[in-house]
Amino acid sequence: MAMLPRAARPALVASGFSAPIARQGVAAAAGFHSSAVQQQTLRELEQRIKSVKNIEKITKSMKMIASTKLTKAQRAMQAAKVYGQANNEVFEQSEATAPDGGRELYIVCSSDKGLCGGIHSSVSKRAKAEFGKHGGAAASADSTEGPSIVVLGDKAKAQLSRTLGKNIAVSFNQVGKDVPTFAEASAIADKIVSSGIKFDKVNIIYNAFVSAISFESRIMQVFSEESLEKAPKFGLYELEEDTLKDLAEFSLANAIYAALAEGHAAEINSKQNAMDNASKNAGEMITNLGMAYNRGRQAQITNDLIDIITGASAL
């Protein structure tokens, strides 16, 4: 090499050492691209963890609010049950029944609020099952056969409108914002009576509060003025004729109030359980995302150390 002219030495040096330098450049570019992808993945995981933590805060707050409302709703439910029990005593003692082939009215009790599990689907499914007993009247939304329906709450109305839309005679919204009162139940009963719907028996479908972790749909029956008048033992009460109509309307308001109050307690309890489950799921998701983030961070640190060691050994 010493015998070569000075002008040839740069060309020889360039031809001998350009390939390793090029390979090192390609390797550095590949490492940079891999590191950028890992950083982007870590940023996405970090954003998801932050979002899930915010959701967890919301669900925990909603659970605390539901827990506070539940005590008040349970007290109202216990007071309202007395009204329903008084109705049942009158109907049982008088042996009131609807005539064969009599007209029936279904009142479906729900609310306007969501995020409470399957509380609204429970009464909707029960209503469809009851209509299935009337010759499959729930088979089509264009069918007008079968009993009339009064829906309390937008949630059940939206679910029943798909298959029983033509049977819905009256609907009420703004239901479930607070603990139901007898004044609200009286207004609903008055609207039903004044709407001109003919019925011999009313079937109120509502959610019964079974325990702190469960509920079930039930039916409470109320009979019309004509059915009470024809009851075998109703004459034992010795009521005046002009009070019979008031008694029938009062019985309907009592039953609606009892059903709304118990359904409201079941809804608040279901919402508390739903928010508790959502908080637990969010916590598990945060744990899994945190483990994935830590693994990605460790892999990135390992790759950085490898690049540093490789560069140091190359020098």
C-alpha atoms as a PDB file:
ATOM      1  CA  MET A   1       0.000   0.000   0.000  1.00  0.00           C
ATOM      2  CA  ALA A   2       2.988   2.215   0.660  1.00  0.00           C
ATOM      3  CA  MET A   3       4.072   1.757  -2.985  1.00  0.00           C
ATOM      4  CA  LEU A   4       0.804   3.212  -4.352  1.00  0.00           C
ATOM      5  CA  PRO A   5       0.597   6.812  -5.374  1.00  0.00           C
ATOM      6  CA  ARG A   6      -1.007   9.224  -2.964  1.00  0.00           C
ATOM      7  CA  ALA A   7      -3.838   9.891  -5.450  1.00  0.00           C
ATOM      8  CA  ALA A   8      -4.935   6.192  -5.382  1.00  0.00           C
ATOM      9  CA  ARG A   9      -5.039   5.874  -1.590  1.00  0.00           C
ATOM     10  CA  PRO A  10      -8.386   7.683  -1.064  1.00  0.00           C
ATOM     11  CA  ALA A  11     -10.023   5.502  -3.735  1.00  0.00           C
ATOM     12  CA  LEU A  12      -8.704   2.330  -2.099  1.00  0.00           C
ATOM     13  CA  VAL A  13      -9.810   3.456   1.348  1.00  0.00           C
ATOM     14  CA  ALA A  14     -13.253   4.323   0.010  1.00  0.00           C
ATOM     15  CA  SER A  15     -13.631   0.994  -1.795  1.00  0.00           C
ATOM     16  CA  GLY A  16     -12.467  -1.022   1.213  1.00  0.00           C
ATOM     17  CA  PHE A  17     -14.465   0.566   3.987  1.00  0.00           C
ATOM     18  CA  SER A  18     -17.689   1.891   2.348  1.00  0.00           C
ATOM     19  CA  ALA A  19     -19.651  -1.436   2.667  1.00  0.00           C
ATOM     20  CA  PRO A  20     -19.358  -1.791   6.493  1.00  0.00           C
ATOM     21  CA  ILE A  21     -20.318   1.841   6.930  1.00  0.00           C
ATOM     22  CA  ALA A  22     -23.375   1.364   4.653  1.00  0.00           C
ATOM     23  CA  ARG A  23     -24.425  -1.775   6.578  1.00  0.00           C
ATOM     24  CA  GLN A  24     -24.183   0.118   9.857  1.00  0.00           C
ATOM     25  CA  GLY A  25     -26.383   2.889   8.390  1.00  0.00           C
ATOM     26  CA  VAL A  26     -29.063   0.420   7.300  1.00  0.00           C
ATOM     27  CA  ALA A  27     -29.017  -1.283  10.708  1.00  0.00           C
ATOM     28  CA  ALA A  28     -29.313   2.095  12.453  1.00  0.00           C
ATOM     29  CA  ALA A  29     -32.274   3.051  10.243  1.00  0.00           C
ATOM     30  CA  ALA A  30     -34.026  -0.264  10.967  1.00  0.00           C
ATOM     31  CA  GLY A  31     -33.455   0.176  14.697  1.00  0.00           C
ATOM     32  CA  PHE A  32     -34.802   3.725  14.574  1.00  0.00           C
ATOM     33  CA  HIS A  33     -37.958   2.539  12.760  1.00  0.00           C
ATOM     34  CA  SER A  34     -38.528  -0.259  15.312  1.00  0.00           C
ATOM     35  CA  SER A  35     -38.038   2.174  18.177  1.00  0.00           C
ATOM     36  CA  ALA A  36     -40.540   4.622  16.639  1.00  0.00           C
ATOM     37  CA  VAL A  37     -43.147   1.874  16.266  1.00  0.00           C
ATOM     38  CA  GLN A  38     -42.646   0.817  19.886  1.00  0.00           C
ATOM     39  CA  GLN A  39     -42.973   4.398  21.081  1.00  0.00           C
ATOM     40  CA  GLN A  40     -46.222   4.801  19.131  1.00  0.00           C
ATOM     41  CA  THR A  41     -47.594   1.579  20.627  1.00  0.00           C
ATOM     42  CA  LEU A  42     -46.638   2.714  24.115  1.00  0.00           C
ATOM     43  CA  ARG A  43     -48.355   6.057  23.567  1.00  0.00           C
ATOM     44  CA  GLU A  44     -51.532   4.281  22.456  1.00  0.00           C
ATOM     45  CA  LEU A  45     -51.454   2.038  25.523  1.00  0.00           C
ATOM     46  CA  GLU A  46     -50.886   5.045  27.753  1.00  0.00           C
ATOM     47  CA  GLN A  47     -53.887   6.827  26.232  1.00  0.00           C
ATOM     48  CA  ARG A  48     -56.095   3.761  26.658  1.00  0.00           C
ATOM     49  CA  ILE A  49     -55.065   3.412  30.296  1.00  0.00           C
ATOM     50  CA  LYS A  50     -55.900   7.058  30.886  1.00  0.00           C
ATOM     51  CA  SER A  51     -59.311   6.667  29.194  1.00  0.00           C
ATOM     52  CA  VAL A  52     -60.214   3.547  31.170  1.00  0.00           C
ATOM     53  CA  LYS A  53     -59.192   5.243  34.416  1.00  0.00           C
ATOM     54  CA  ASN A  54     -61.539   8.132  33.618  1.00  0.00           C
ATOM     55  CA  ILE A  55     -64.348   5.663  32.933  1.00  0.00           C
ATOM     56  CA  GLU A  56     -63.601   3.911  36.229  1.00  0.00           C
ATOM     57  CA  LYS A  57     -63.934   7.216  38.096  1.00  0.00           C
ATOM     58  CA  ILE A  58     -67.324   7.843  36.460  1.00  0.00           C
ATOM     59  CA  THR A  59     -68.679   4.367  37.217  1.00  0.00           C
ATOM     60  CA  LYS A  60     -67.532   4.547  40.841  1.00  0.00           C
ATOM     61  CA  SER A  61     -69.210   7.934  41.234  1.00  0.00           C
ATOM     62  CA  MET A  62     -72.445   6.599  39.709  1.00  0.00           C
ATOM     63  CA  LYS A  63     -72.309   3.602  42.046  1.00  0.00           C
ATOM     64  CA  MET A  64     -72.003   5.898  45.065  1.00  0.00           C
ATOM     65  CA  ILE A  65     -74.948   8.002  43.855  1.00  0.00           C
ATOM     66  CA  ALA A  66     -77.064   4.863  43.341  1.00  0.00           C
ATOM     67  CA  SER A  67     -76.148   3.625  46.817  1.00  0.00           C
ATOM     68  CA  THR A  68     -77.314   6.922  48.302  1.00  0.00           C
ATOM     69  CA  LYS A  69     -80.609   6.812  46.392  1.00  0.00           C
ATOM     70  CA  LEU A  70     -81.265   3.148  47.167  1.00  0.00           C
ATOM     71  CA  THR A  71     -82.036   3.690  50.851  1.00  0.00           C
ATOM     72  CA  LYS A  72     -84.621   6.350  50.015  1.00  0.00           C
ATOM     73  CA  ALA A  73     -86.126   4.184  47.282  1.00  0.00           C
ATOM     74  CA  GLN A  74     -86.438   1.187  49.607  1.00  0.00           C
ATOM     75  CA  ARG A  75     -88.256   3.255  52.226  1.00  0.00           C
ATOM     76  CA  ALA A  76     -90.695   4.487  49.581  1.00  0.00           C
ATOM     77  CA  MET A  77     -91.156   0.924  48.334  1.00  0.00           C
ATOM     78  CA  GLN A  78     -92.090  -0.361  51.800  1.00  0.00           C
ATOM     79  CA  ALA A  79     -94.636   2.435  52.209  1.00  0.00           C
ATOM     80  CA  ALA A  80     -96.114   1.851  48.741  1.00  0.00           C
ATOM     81  CA  LYS A  81     -96.501  -1.897  49.275  1.00  0.00           C
ATOM     82  CA  VAL A  82     -99.220  -1.139  51.802  1.00  0.00           C
ATOM     83  CA  TYR A  83    -101.324   0.389  49.027  1.00  0.00           C
ATOM     84  CA  GLY A  84    -100.933  -2.673  46.841  1.00  0.00           C
ATOM     85  CA  GLN A  85    -101.737  -5.058  49.685  1.00  0.00           C
ATOM     86  CA  ALA A  86    -104.938  -3.120  50.462  1.00  0.00           C
ATOM     87  CA  ASN A  87    -106.032  -3.544  46.852  1.00  0.00           C
ATOM     88  CA  ASN A  88    -105.346  -7.267  46.901  1.00  0.00           C
ATOM     89  CA  GLU A  89    -107.382  -7.679  50.079  1.00  0.00           C
ATOM     90  CA  VAL A  90    -110.428  -6.071  48.482  1.00  0.00           C
ATOM     91  CA  PHE A  91    -110.166  -8.152  45.308  1.00  0.00           C
ATOM     92  CA  GLU A  92    -109.540 -11.414  47.161  1.00  0.00           C
ATOM     93  CA  GLN A  93    -112.274 -10.937  49.759  1.00  0.00           C
ATOM     94  CA  SER A  94    -114.834  -9.933  47.133  1.00  0.00           C
ATOM     95  CA  GLU A  95    -113.691 -12.748  44.786  1.00  0.00           C
ATOM     96  CA  ALA A  96    -113.545 -10.349  41.869  1.00  0.00           C
ATOM     97  CA  THR A  97    -112.797 -11.871  38.467  1.00  0.00           C
ATOM     98  CA  ALA A  98    -112.926 -10.702  34.885  1.00  0.00           C
ATOM     99  CA  PRO A  99    -115.685 -12.199  32.705  1.00  0.00           C
ATOM    100  CA  ASP A 100    -114.787 -14.851  30.162  1.00  0.00           C
ATOM    101  CA  GLY A 101    -113.499 -13.172  27.058  1.00  0.00           C
ATOM    102  CA  GLY A 102    -113.314  -9.852  28.910  1.00  0.00           C
ATOM    103  CA  ARG A 103    -111.173  -6.969  27.745  1.00  0.00           C
ATOM    104  CA  GLU A 104    -107.705  -6.716  29.301  1.00  0.00           C
ATOM    105  CA  LEU A 105    -105.338  -3.783  29.608  1.00  0.00           C
ATOM    106  CA  TYR A 106    -101.593  -4.112  30.156  1.00  0.00           C
ATOM    107  CA  ILE A 107     -99.610  -1.405  31.927  1.00  0.00           C
ATOM    108  CA  VAL A 108     -95.838  -1.839  31.510  1.00  0.00           C
ATOM    109  CA  CYS A 109     -93.812   0.025  34.157  1.00  0.00           C
ATOM    110  CA  SER A 110     -90.258   1.102  33.303  1.00  0.00           C
ATOM    111  CA  SER A 111     -88.461   4.466  33.201  1.00  0.00           C
ATOM    112  CA  ASP A 112     -86.559   6.840  30.923  1.00  0.00           C
ATOM    113  CA  LYS A 113     -83.111   6.063  32.321  1.00  0.00           C
ATOM    114  CA  GLY A 114     -80.548   3.502  31.196  1.00  0.00           C
ATOM    115  CA  LEU A 115     -77.243   2.066  32.471  1.00  0.00           C
ATOM    116  CA  CYS A 116     -79.114  -0.275  34.816  1.00  0.00           C
ATOM    117  CA  GLY A 117     -78.627  -3.729  33.343  1.00  0.00           C
ATOM    118  CA  GLY A 118     -81.581  -5.668  31.953  1.00  0.00           C
ATOM    119  CA  ILE A 119     -84.208  -4.016  34.140  1.00  0.00           C
ATOM    120  CA  HIS A 120     -86.202  -2.679  31.168  1.00  0.00           C
ATOM    121  CA  SER A 121     -85.810  -5.785  29.026  1.00  0.00           C
ATOM    122  CA  SER A 122     -87.309  -7.818  31.871  1.00  0.00           C
ATOM    123  CA  VAL A 123     -90.741  -6.160  31.707  1.00  0.00           C
ATOM    124  CA  SER A 124     -90.661  -5.957  27.908  1.00  0.00           C
ATOM    125  CA  LYS A 125     -90.021  -9.687  27.581  1.00  0.00           C
ATOM    126  CA  ARG A 126     -92.776 -10.416  30.096  1.00  0.00           C
ATOM    127  CA  ALA A 127     -95.220  -8.253  28.135  1.00  0.00           C
ATOM    128  CA  LYS A 128     -94.361 -10.054  24.882  1.00  0.00           C
ATOM    129  CA  ALA A 129     -94.753 -13.427  26.601  1.00  0.00           C
ATOM    130  CA  GLU A 130     -98.196 -12.446  27.904  1.00  0.00           C
ATOM    131  CA  PHE A 131     -99.226 -11.294  24.452  1.00  0.00           C
ATOM    132  CA  GLY A 132     -98.102 -14.624  23.064  1.00  0.00           C
ATOM    133  CA  LYS A 133    -100.955 -16.148  25.065  1.00  0.00           C
ATOM    134  CA  HIS A 134    -103.449 -14.073  23.058  1.00  0.00           C
ATOM    135  CA  GLY A 135    -103.037 -15.907  19.781  1.00  0.00           C
ATOM    136  CA  GLY A 136     -99.620 -14.507  18.863  1.00  0.00           C
ATOM    137  CA  ALA A 137    -100.718 -10.897  18.785  1.00  0.00           C
ATOM    138  CA  ALA A 138     -97.106  -9.824  19.229  1.00  0.00           C
ATOM    139  CA  ALA A 139     -95.987 -11.332  15.938  1.00  0.00           C
ATOM    140  CA  SER A 140     -96.164  -8.131  13.909  1.00  0.00           C
ATOM    141  CA  ALA A 141     -95.980  -4.414  14.595  1.00  0.00           C
ATOM    142  CA  ASP A 142     -98.868  -3.907  12.120  1.00  0.00           C
ATOM    143  CA  SER A 143    -101.202  -6.112  14.149  1.00  0.00           C
ATOM    144  CA  THR A 144    -103.963  -4.399  16.100  1.00  0.00           C
ATOM    145  CA  GLU A 145    -105.264  -7.610  17.680  1.00  0.00           C
ATOM    146  CA  GLY A 146    -104.980  -8.307  21.369  1.00  0.00           C
ATOM    147  CA  PRO A 147    -105.242  -6.083  24.431  1.00  0.00           C
ATOM    148  CA  SER A 148    -104.221  -2.448  24.636  1.00  0.00           C
ATOM    149  CA  ILE A 149    -100.956  -1.384  26.257  1.00  0.00           C
ATOM    150  CA  VAL A 150    -100.080   1.606  28.402  1.00  0.00           C
ATOM    151  CA  VAL A 151     -96.322   2.145  28.679  1.00  0.00           C
ATOM    152  CA  LEU A 152     -94.695   4.094  31.511  1.00  0.00           C
ATOM    153  CA  GLY A 153     -91.184   5.145  30.449  1.00  0.00           C
ATOM    154  CA  ASP A 154     -89.396   5.612  27.147  1.00  0.00           C
ATOM    155  CA  LYS A 155     -87.120   2.573  27.501  1.00  0.00           C
ATOM    156  CA  ALA A 156     -89.899  -0.015  27.438  1.00  0.00           C
ATOM    157  CA  LYS A 157     -91.754   1.967  24.780  1.00  0.00           C
ATOM    158  CA  ALA A 158     -88.763   1.786  22.429  1.00  0.00           C
ATOM    159  CA  GLN A 159     -88.484  -1.973  22.953  1.00  0.00           C
ATOM    160  CA  LEU A 160     -92.200  -2.731  22.578  1.00  0.00           C
ATOM    161  CA  SER A 161     -92.732  -0.448  19.583  1.00  0.00           C
ATOM    162  CA  ARG A 162     -90.910  -2.916  17.326  1.00  0.00           C
ATOM    163  CA  THR A 163     -93.442  -5.727  17.781  1.00  0.00           C
ATOM    164  CA  LEU A 164     -96.432  -4.222  19.615  1.00  0.00           C
ATOM    165  CA  GLY A 165     -96.465  -0.695  18.260  1.00  0.00           C
ATOM    166  CA  LYS A 166    -100.109  -0.832  17.135  1.00  0.00           C
ATOM    167  CA  ASN A 167    -101.251  -2.035  20.556  1.00  0.00           C
ATOM    168  CA  ILE A 168     -99.757   0.884  22.477  1.00  0.00           C
ATOM    169  CA  ALA A 169    -102.670   3.166  23.309  1.00  0.00           C
ATOM    170  CA  VAL A 170    -101.055   5.627  25.740  1.00  0.00           C
ATOM    171  CA  SER A 171     -97.462   6.220  26.805  1.00  0.00           C
ATOM    172  CA  PHE A 172     -95.895   8.369  29.506  1.00  0.00           C
ATOM    173  CA  ASN A 173     -92.375   9.784  29.722  1.00  0.00           C
ATOM    174  CA  GLN A 174     -90.447  11.695  32.381  1.00  0.00           C
ATOM    175  CA  VAL A 175     -90.722   8.577  34.548  1.00  0.00           C
ATOM    176  CA  GLY A 176     -88.018   7.451  36.982  1.00  0.00           C
ATOM    177  CA  LYS A 177     -86.299  10.777  37.640  1.00  0.00           C
ATOM    178  CA  ASP A 178     -87.088  10.565  41.342  1.00  0.00           C
ATOM    179  CA  VAL A 179     -88.968   8.401  43.826  1.00  0.00           C
ATOM    180  CA  PRO A 180     -92.560   7.962  42.546  1.00  0.00           C
ATOM    181  CA  THR A 181     -95.363   9.666  44.458  1.00  0.00           C
ATOM    182  CA  PHE A 182     -99.029   8.873  44.790  1.00  0.00           C
ATOM    183  CA  ALA A 183     -99.865  12.147  43.025  1.00  0.00           C
ATOM    184  CA  GLU A 184     -98.006  10.957  39.919  1.00  0.00           C
ATOM    185  CA  ALA A 185     -99.760   7.586  40.035  1.00  0.00           C
ATOM    186  CA  SER A 186    -103.137   9.335  40.405  1.00  0.00           C
ATOM    187  CA  ALA A 187    -102.417  11.518  37.365  1.00  0.00           C
ATOM    188  CA  ILE A 188    -101.496   8.431  35.316  1.00  0.00           C
ATOM    189  CA  ALA A 189    -104.630   6.585  36.426  1.00  0.00           C
ATOM    190  CA  ASP A 190    -106.808   9.611  35.633  1.00  0.00           C
ATOM    191  CA  LYS A 191    -105.284   9.866  32.141  1.00  0.00           C
ATOM    192  CA  ILE A 192    -105.907   6.168  31.493  1.00  0.00           C
ATOM    193  CA  VAL A 193    -109.540   6.400  32.594  1.00  0.00           C
ATOM    194  CA  SER A 194    -110.190   9.603  30.630  1.00  0.00           C
ATOM    195  CA  SER A 195    -108.565   8.204  27.462  1.00  0.00           C
ATOM    196  CA  GLY A 196    -111.593   5.982  26.886  1.00  0.00           C
ATOM    197  CA  ILE A 197    -109.756   2.639  26.969  1.00  0.00           C
ATOM    198  CA  LYS A 198    -112.270  -0.120  27.728  1.00  0.00           C
ATOM    199  CA  PHE A 199    -111.120  -2.881  30.056  1.00  0.00           C
ATOM    200  CA  ASP A 200    -112.446  -5.396  32.570  1.00  0.00           C
ATOM    201  CA  LYS A 201    -109.073  -6.251  34.090  1.00  0.00           C
ATOM    202  CA  VAL A 202    -105.737  -4.447  34.260  1.00  0.00           C
ATOM    203  CA  ASN A 203    -102.443  -6.365  34.326  1.00  0.00           C
ATOM    204  CA  ILE A 204     -99.615  -4.177  35.654  1.00  0.00           C
ATOM    205  CA  ILE A 205     -96.226  -5.594  34.659  1.00  0.00           C
ATOM    206  CA  TYR A 206     -93.421  -4.337  36.886  1.00  0.00           C
ATOM    207  CA  ASN A 207     -90.059  -5.366  38.342  1.00  0.00           C
ATOM    208  CA  ALA A 208     -90.281  -6.727  41.866  1.00  0.00           C
ATOM    209  CA  PHE A 209     -87.412  -6.133  44.295  1.00  0.00           C
ATOM    210  CA  VAL A 210     -86.342  -9.661  45.323  1.00  0.00           C
ATOM    211  CA  SER A 211     -82.967  -9.067  46.993  1.00  0.00           C
ATOM    212  CA  ALA A 212     -79.891  -6.865  46.799  1.00  0.00           C
ATOM    213  CA  ILE A 213     -78.652  -8.794  43.773  1.00  0.00           C
ATOM    214  CA  SER A 214     -81.808  -9.859  41.938  1.00  0.00           C
ATOM    215  CA  PHE A 215     -85.202  -8.776  40.644  1.00  0.00           C
ATOM    216  CA  GLU A 216     -87.994 -10.396  38.670  1.00  0.00           C
ATOM    217  CA  SER A 217     -90.952  -9.292  36.586  1.00  0.00           C
ATOM    218  CA  ARG A 218     -94.386  -9.766  38.143  1.00  0.00           C
ATOM    219  CA  ILE A 219     -97.993  -8.962  37.326  1.00  0.00           C
ATOM    220  CA  MET A 220    -100.381  -7.102  39.624  1.00  0.00           C
ATOM    221  CA  GLN A 221    -104.067  -7.341  38.733  1.00  0.00           C
ATOM    222  CA  VAL A 222    -106.696  -4.632  39.105  1.00  0.00           C
ATOM    223  CA  PHE A 223    -110.367  -4.995  38.201  1.00  0.00           C
ATOM    224  CA  SER A 224    -112.726  -2.484  36.660  1.00  0.00           C
ATOM    225  CA  GLU A 225    -115.883  -1.002  38.122  1.00  0.00           C
ATOM    226  CA  GLU A 226    -118.108  -3.516  36.324  1.00  0.00           C
ATOM    227  CA  SER A 227    -116.004  -6.483  37.496  1.00  0.00           C
ATOM    228  CA  LEU A 228    -116.182  -5.280  41.110  1.00  0.00           C
ATOM    229  CA  GLU A 229    -119.924  -4.758  40.869  1.00  0.00           C
ATOM    230  CA  LYS A 230    -120.432  -8.320  39.623  1.00  0.00           C
ATOM    231  CA  ALA A 231    -118.113  -9.860  42.229  1.00  0.00           C
ATOM    232  CA  PRO A 232    -119.959 -12.482  44.317  1.00  0.00           C
ATOM    233  CA  LYS A 233    -119.067 -11.067  47.745  1.00  0.00           C
ATOM    234  CA  PHE A 234    -118.549  -7.414  46.942  1.00  0.00           C
ATOM    235  CA  GLY A 235    -121.977  -6.582  48.337  1.00  0.00           C
ATOM    236  CA  LEU A 236    -120.683  -7.335  51.835  1.00  0.00           C
ATOM    237  CA  TYR A 237    -118.835  -4.013  51.831  1.00  0.00           C
ATOM    238  CA  GLU A 238    -122.160  -2.104  51.697  1.00  0.00           C
ATOM    239  CA  LEU A 239    -120.872   0.720  49.523  1.00  0.00           C
ATOM    240  CA  GLU A 240    -123.061   3.294  47.871  1.00  0.00           C
ATOM    241  CA  GLU A 241    -123.394   3.090  44.110  1.00  0.00           C
ATOM    242  CA  ASP A 242    -121.875   6.486  43.442  1.00  0.00           C
ATOM    243  CA  THR A 243    -118.675   5.524  45.295  1.00  0.00           C
ATOM    244  CA  LEU A 244    -118.002   2.382  43.285  1.00  0.00           C
ATOM    245  CA  LYS A 245    -116.479   4.302  40.383  1.00  0.00           C
ATOM    246  CA  ASP A 246    -114.230   6.257  42.730  1.00  0.00           C
ATOM    247  CA  LEU A 247    -113.138   3.031  44.409  1.00  0.00           C
ATOM    248  CA  ALA A 248    -112.199   1.484  41.066  1.00  0.00           C
ATOM    249  CA  GLU A 249    -110.121   4.510  40.051  1.00  0.00           C
ATOM    250  CA  PHE A 250    -108.534   4.709  43.492  1.00  0.00           C
ATOM    251  CA  SER A 251    -107.627   1.006  43.310  1.00  0.00           C
ATOM    252  CA  LEU A 252    -105.979   1.562  39.917  1.00  0.00           C
ATOM    253  CA  ALA A 253    -103.963   4.512  41.273  1.00  0.00           C
ATOM    254  CA  ASN A 254    -102.940   2.450  44.323  1.00  0.00           C
ATOM    255  CA  ALA A 255    -101.688  -0.422  42.182  1.00  0.00           C
ATOM    256  CA  ILE A 256     -99.798   1.872  39.804  1.00  0.00           C
ATOM    257  CA  TYR A 257     -98.144   3.613  42.747  1.00  0.00           C
ATOM    258  CA  ALA A 258     -97.083   0.314  44.357  1.00  0.00           C
ATOM    259  CA  ALA A 259     -95.718  -1.009  41.047  1.00  0.00           C
ATOM    260  CA  LEU A 260     -93.820   2.205  40.245  1.00  0.00           C
ATOM    261  CA  ALA A 261     -92.274   2.439  43.709  1.00  0.00           C
ATOM    262  CA  GLU A 262     -91.103  -1.175  43.770  1.00  0.00           C
ATOM    263  CA  GLY A 263     -89.884  -0.965  40.169  1.00  0.00           C
ATOM    264  CA  HIS A 264     -87.934   2.196  41.011  1.00  0.00           C
ATOM    265  CA  ALA A 265     -86.200   0.473  43.940  1.00  0.00           C
ATOM    266  CA  ALA A 266     -85.337  -2.503  41.734  1.00  0.00           C
ATOM    267  CA  GLU A 267     -83.978  -0.144  39.062  1.00  0.00           C
ATOM    268  CA  ILE A 268     -81.739   1.770  41.481  1.00  0.00           C
ATOM    269  CA  ASN A 269     -80.460  -1.501  42.915  1.00  0.00           C
ATOM    270  CA  SER A 270     -79.770  -2.847  39.414  1.00  0.00           C
ATOM    271  CA  LYS A 271     -77.944   0.356  38.515  1.00  0.00           C
ATOM    272  CA  GLN A 272     -75.754   0.043  41.603  1.00  0.00           C
ATOM    273  CA  ASN A 273     -74.854  -3.543  40.668  1.00  0.00           C
ATOM    274  CA  ALA A 274     -74.225  -2.580  37.032  1.00  0.00           C
ATOM    275  CA  MET A 275     -71.873   0.263  38.002  1.00  0.00           C
ATOM    276  CA  ASP A 276     -70.089  -2.017  40.478  1.00  0.00           C
ATOM    277  CA  ASN A 277     -69.496  -4.613  37.755  1.00  0.00           C
ATOM    278  CA  ALA A 278     -68.372  -1.893  35.335  1.00  0.00           C
ATOM    279  CA  SER A 279     -65.872  -0.578  37.894  1.00  0.00           C
ATOM    280  CA  LYS A 280     -64.478  -4.069  38.445  1.00  0.00           C
ATOM    281  CA  ASN A 281     -64.138  -4.653  34.693  1.00  0.00           C
ATOM    282  CA  ALA A 282     -62.396  -1.299  34.301  1.00  0.00           C
ATOM    283  CA  GLY A 283     -59.957  -2.219  37.084  1.00  0.00           C
ATOM    284  CA  GLU A 284     -59.132  -5.526  35.418  1.00  0.00           C
ATOM    285  CA  MET A 285     -58.638  -3.785  32.078  1.00  0.00           C
ATOM    286  CA  ILE A 286     -56.318  -1.222  33.676  1.00  0.00           C
ATOM    287  CA  THR A 287     -54.252  -4.057  35.181  1.00  0.00           C
ATOM    288  CA  ASN A 288     -53.961  -5.876  31.834  1.00  0.00           C
ATOM    289  CA  LEU A 289     -53.101  -2.701  29.941  1.00  0.00           C
ATOM    290  CA  GLY A 290     -50.537  -1.786  32.600  1.00  0.00           C
ATOM    291  CA  MET A 291     -48.826  -5.155  32.227  1.00  0.00           C
ATOM    292  CA  ALA A 292     -48.755  -4.757  28.439  1.00  0.00           C
ATOM    293  CA  TYR A 293     -47.343  -1.241  28.818  1.00  0.00           C
ATOM    294  CA  ASN A 294     -44.627  -2.434  31.211  1.00  0.00           C
ATOM    295  CA  ARG A 295     -43.621  -5.254  28.864  1.00  0.00           C
ATOM    296  CA  GLY A 296     -43.433  -2.852  25.942  1.00  0.00           C
ATOM    297  CA  ARG A 297     -41.415  -0.376  27.992  1.00  0.00           C
ATOM    298  CA  GLN A 298     -38.963  -3.090  29.072  1.00  0.00           C
ATOM    299  CA  ALA A 299     -38.577  -4.229  25.461  1.00  0.00           C
ATOM    300  CA  GLN A 300     -37.870  -0.662  24.378  1.00  0.00           C
ATOM    301  CA  ILE A 301     -35.246  -0.220  27.107  1.00  0.00           C
ATOM    302  CA  THR A 302     -33.622  -3.523  26.099  1.00  0.00           C
ATOM    303  CA  ASN A 303     -33.458  -2.454  22.444  1.00  0.00           C
ATOM    304  CA  ASP A 304     -31.949   0.886  23.418  1.00  0.00           C
ATOM    305  CA  LEU A 305     -29.274  -0.859  25.485  1.00  0.00           C
ATOM    306  CA  ILE A 306     -28.508  -3.214  22.593  1.00  0.00           C
ATOM    307  CA  ASP A 307     -28.081  -0.253  20.236  1.00  0.00           C
ATOM    308  CA  ILE A 308     -25.796   1.499  22.702  1.00  0.00           C
ATOM    309  CA  ILE A 309     -23.656  -1.617  23.260  1.00  0.00           C
ATOM    310  CA  THR A 310     -23.506  -2.364  19.527  1.00  0.00           C
ATOM    311  CA  GLY A 311     -22.447   1.191  18.762  1.00  0.00           C
ATOM    312  CA  ALA A 312     -19.809   1.156  21.491  1.00  0.00           C
ATOM    313  CA  SER A 313     -18.366  -2.141  20.309  1.00  0.00           C
ATOM    314  CA  ALA A 314     -18.274  -0.889  16.715  1.00  0.00           C
ATOM    315  CA  LEU A 315     -16.233   2.113  17.780  1.00  0.00           C
END
